[in-house]
C-alpha atoms as a PDB file:
ATOM      1  CA  UNK A   1      -2.385  -0.680  11.468  1.00  0.00           C
ATOM      2  CA  UNK A   2       1.289  -1.473  11.009  1.00  0.00           C
ATOM      3  CA  UNK A   3       3.815   0.761   9.792  1.00  0.00           C
ATOM      4  CA  UNK A   4       5.727  -0.951   6.404  1.00  0.00           C
ATOM      5  CA  UNK A   5       8.994  -0.368   5.460  1.00  0.00           C
ATOM      6  CA  UNK A   6       9.821  -0.282   1.725  1.00  0.00           C
ATOM      7  CA  UNK A   7      11.913  -3.249   2.340  1.00  0.00           C
ATOM      8  CA  UNK A   8       9.102  -4.808   3.558  1.00  0.00           C
ATOM      9  CA  UNK A   9       7.351  -4.412   0.445  1.00  0.00           C
ATOM     10  CA  UNK A  10       7.785  -6.071  -2.870  1.00  0.00           C
ATOM     11  CA  UNK A  11       5.828  -6.474  -5.994  1.00  0.00           C
ATOM     12  CA  UNK A  12       3.404  -9.070  -6.378  1.00  0.00           C
ATOM     13  CA  UNK A  13       2.698  -9.039  -3.407  1.00  0.00           C
ATOM     14  CA  UNK A  14      -0.959  -9.110  -1.876  1.00  0.00           C
ATOM     15  CA  UNK A  15      -1.923  -5.658   0.279  1.00  0.00           C
ATOM     16  CA  UNK A  16      -4.311  -4.062   1.850  1.00  0.00           C
ATOM     17  CA  UNK A  17      -3.950  -0.634   0.752  1.00  0.00           C
ATOM     18  CA  UNK A  18      -6.097   2.732   1.883  1.00  0.00           C
ATOM     19  CA  UNK A  19      -6.792   4.511  -0.796  1.00  0.00           C
ATOM     20  CA  UNK A  20      -6.821   9.083  -0.482  1.00  0.00           C
ATOM     21  CA  UNK A  21     -10.726   8.792  -1.432  1.00  0.00           C
ATOM     22  CA  UNK A  22     -10.939   6.437   1.728  1.00  0.00           C
ATOM     23  CA  UNK A  23      -9.495   7.672   4.511  1.00  0.00           C
ATOM     24  CA  UNK A  24     -12.213   8.913   6.097  1.00  0.00           C
ATOM     25  CA  UNK A  25     -13.357   5.911   6.128  1.00  0.00           C
ATOM     26  CA  UNK A  26     -10.568   3.544   6.490  1.00  0.00           C
ATOM     27  CA  UNK A  27     -11.801   1.559   3.621  1.00  0.00           C
ATOM     28  CA  UNK A  28      -9.050  -0.773   2.171  1.00  0.00           C
ATOM     29  CA  UNK A  29      -8.451  -1.956  -1.030  1.00  0.00           C
ATOM     30  CA  UNK A  30      -7.588  -5.426  -1.812  1.00  0.00           C
ATOM     31  CA  UNK A  31      -5.167  -6.425  -4.403  1.00  0.00           C
ATOM     32  CA  UNK A  32      -1.689  -7.091  -6.126  1.00  0.00           C
ATOM     33  CA  UNK A  33       1.209  -4.736  -5.808  1.00  0.00           C
ATOM     34  CA  UNK A  34       2.449  -3.573  -9.571  1.00  0.00           C
ATOM     35  CA  UNK A  35       4.641  -0.516  -8.220  1.00  0.00           C
ATOM     36  CA  UNK A  36       6.127   0.990  -5.296  1.00  0.00           C
ATOM     37  CA  UNK A  37       5.463   4.567  -5.489  1.00  0.00           C
ATOM     38  CA  UNK A  38       7.158   5.981  -2.246  1.00  0.00           C
ATOM     39  CA  UNK A  39      11.148   6.213  -3.027  1.00  0.00           C
ATOM     40  CA  UNK A  40      12.324   6.877   0.600  1.00  0.00           C
ATOM     41  CA  UNK A  41      12.688   3.372   2.900  1.00  0.00           C
ATOM     42  CA  UNK A  42       9.781   4.914   5.698  1.00  0.00           C
ATOM     43  CA  UNK A  43       6.374   6.450   5.392  1.00  0.00           C
ATOM     44  CA  UNK A  44       4.698   7.652   8.499  1.00  0.00           C
ATOM     45  CA  UNK A  45       1.377   7.176   6.595  1.00  0.00           C
ATOM     46  CA  UNK A  46       2.592   3.806   4.567  1.00  0.00           C
ATOM     47  CA  UNK A  47       4.562   2.761   1.804  1.00  0.00           C
ATOM     48  CA  UNK A  48       2.602   4.250  -1.700  1.00  0.00           C
ATOM     49  CA  UNK A  49       1.951   0.961  -4.174  1.00  0.00           C
ATOM     50  CA  UNK A  50       0.332   0.829  -7.427  1.00  0.00           C
ATOM     51  CA  UNK A  51      -1.800  -1.693  -7.967  1.00  0.00           C
ATOM     52  CA  UNK A  52      -2.611  -3.729 -10.718  1.00  0.00           C
ATOM     53  CA  UNK A  53      -5.657  -2.571 -11.412  1.00  0.00           C
ATOM     54  CA  UNK A  54      -4.485   1.169 -11.703  1.00  0.00           C
ATOM     55  CA  UNK A  55      -5.401   2.266  -8.106  1.00  0.00           C
ATOM     56  CA  UNK A  56      -3.310   3.927  -5.824  1.00  0.00           C
ATOM     57  CA  UNK A  57      -2.753   3.499  -2.332  1.00  0.00           C
ATOM     58  CA  UNK A  58      -1.211   3.509   1.097  1.00  0.00           C
ATOM     59  CA  UNK A  59       0.341  -0.181   2.032  1.00  0.00           C
ATOM     60  CA  UNK A  60      -1.680  -0.710   5.662  1.00  0.00           C
ATOM     61  CA  UNK A  61      -2.107  -4.496   5.967  1.00  0.00           C
ATOM     62  CA  UNK A  62       0.198  -7.562   3.551  1.00  0.00           C
ATOM     63  CA  UNK A  63      -1.720 -10.529   3.362  1.00  0.00           C
ATOM     64  CA  UNK A  64       1.276 -12.777   2.187  1.00  0.00           C
END
């Protein structure tokens, strides 16, 4: 899995994220970014975002 910088992640992008409760299994959740929650330029575990569904996770794949 790739590490993305905050500048790579934009509101409205179609992404796959890993939510905290799925970190052990590695299950990814697909969705559209509503908000970017990470304030720093990068993060070792991925940029934290809120999806339009309200779910919060760290970006692991960009689909667009």
